[in-house]
Amino acid sequence: MKYTLLAGKTFDKSLHKLPLDVIKHIDDLVFQLEDNPKEGEQLKGEFRHLWSLHTKLNNVQYRIIYSVNVVKREVILHYAGSRENFYKEVKRLRLKVA
């Protein structure tokens, strides 16, 4: 059974700051999480409740931060951006998982 993808406000805002070709690439990539939500890498430490999906386009690395609610079968997309200063930005957002 597939998971439902949910995009938070911070994800939408972060996505719109990226170039159009990157948005399309990330859009295609996140739909894979419906079938396999643990495709990314589970983070450690203060971000242990989050997952990070890595991708590369035009020699630039990008990250997508998301969380997985197994009980509700949901994947909640939190933030997307280039790898540069990515985790500082995630820390600034103070993402909490319900």
Protein backbone atom coordinates (compact mmCIF):
# COMPACT_ATOMS: atom_id res chain seq x y z
CA MET A 1 0.00 0.00 0.00
CA LYS A 2 1.31 3.43 -0.92
CA TYR A 3 2.13 6.25 1.45
CA THR A 4 0.47 9.66 1.10
CA LEU A 5 2.77 12.60 0.32
CA LEU A 6 2.12 15.80 2.27
CA ALA A 7 4.04 19.01 1.64
CA GLY A 8 4.41 21.57 4.43
CA LYS A 9 4.59 25.34 3.94
CA THR A 10 8.35 25.37 4.42
CA PHE A 11 8.74 22.73 1.70
CA ASP A 12 6.68 24.73 -0.78
CA LYS A 13 8.59 27.94 0.02
CA SER A 14 11.98 26.27 -0.25
CA LEU A 15 11.06 24.56 -3.51
CA HIS A 16 9.99 27.81 -5.18
CA LYS A 17 13.42 29.33 -4.48
CA LEU A 18 15.08 26.70 -6.69
CA PRO A 19 15.54 26.77 -10.49
CA LEU A 20 12.73 25.25 -12.56
CA ASP A 21 14.76 22.26 -13.75
CA VAL A 22 15.65 21.41 -10.14
CA ILE A 23 12.00 21.70 -9.07
CA LYS A 24 11.00 19.23 -11.80
CA HIS A 25 13.80 16.85 -10.80
CA ILE A 26 12.85 16.97 -7.11
CA ASP A 27 9.16 16.60 -7.95
CA ASP A 28 9.89 13.39 -9.88
CA LEU A 29 12.10 12.13 -7.08
CA VAL A 30 9.69 12.64 -4.16
CA PHE A 31 6.99 10.55 -5.81
CA GLN A 32 9.27 7.55 -5.34
CA LEU A 33 8.75 7.98 -1.59
CA GLU A 34 5.12 6.88 -1.98
CA ASP A 35 6.34 3.32 -2.54
CA ASN A 36 9.52 3.37 -0.47
CA PRO A 37 9.50 6.12 2.20
CA LYS A 38 12.71 4.87 3.75
CA GLU A 39 14.66 5.27 0.52
CA GLY A 40 16.55 8.20 2.03
CA GLU A 41 18.93 8.19 4.94
CA GLN A 42 17.68 8.54 8.51
CA LEU A 43 19.49 11.38 10.23
CA LYS A 44 21.18 11.20 13.62
CA GLY A 45 21.32 13.35 16.73
CA GLU A 46 18.83 16.17 17.06
CA PHE A 47 17.46 15.36 13.58
CA ARG A 48 16.93 11.64 14.25
CA HIS A 49 13.19 11.92 13.56
CA LEU A 50 13.91 13.16 10.01
CA TRP A 51 15.04 11.54 6.78
CA SER A 52 17.21 13.03 4.04
CA LEU A 53 16.93 12.15 0.37
CA HIS A 54 20.03 13.06 -1.66
CA THR A 55 20.15 13.90 -5.34
CA LYS A 56 22.44 15.63 -7.80
CA LEU A 57 21.61 17.73 -10.85
CA ASN A 58 23.98 19.80 -13.00
CA ASN A 59 26.87 19.01 -10.62
CA VAL A 60 25.01 20.50 -7.62
CA GLN A 61 23.95 18.31 -4.71
CA TYR A 62 20.45 18.75 -3.28
CA ARG A 63 18.76 17.44 -0.16
CA ILE A 64 15.10 16.85 0.70
CA ILE A 65 14.17 16.60 4.37
CA TYR A 66 11.09 14.60 5.26
CA SER A 67 9.53 12.58 8.04
CA VAL A 68 7.61 9.31 7.92
CA ASN A 69 4.44 8.53 9.88
CA VAL A 70 4.16 4.76 9.60
CA VAL A 71 0.84 4.56 11.47
CA LYS A 72 -0.92 7.03 9.14
CA ARG A 73 1.17 5.91 6.13
CA GLU A 74 2.25 9.48 5.40
CA VAL A 75 5.46 11.06 4.16
CA ILE A 76 5.67 14.71 5.24
CA LEU A 77 8.00 16.82 3.09
CA HIS A 78 9.63 19.59 5.15
CA TYR A 79 12.40 21.29 3.18
CA ALA A 80 14.40 21.09 -0.06
CA GLY A 81 17.56 22.91 -1.04
CA SER A 82 21.15 22.68 -2.18
CA ARG A 83 23.58 20.92 0.13
CA GLU A 84 25.47 24.15 0.89
CA ASN A 85 24.44 25.30 4.39
CA PHE A 86 21.50 22.90 4.18
CA TYR A 87 21.60 21.57 7.73
CA LYS A 88 22.11 25.06 9.19
CA GLU A 89 18.87 26.07 7.46
CA VAL A 90 17.08 22.95 8.70
CA LYS A 91 18.25 23.71 12.24
CA ARG A 92 17.00 27.30 11.90
CA LEU A 93 13.56 26.02 10.90
CA ARG A 94 13.29 24.00 14.12
CA LEU A 95 11.29 21.26 12.45
CA LYS A 96 9.12 19.28 14.80
CA VAL A 97 7.32 16.07 14.00
CA ALA A 98 3.90 15.48 15.50
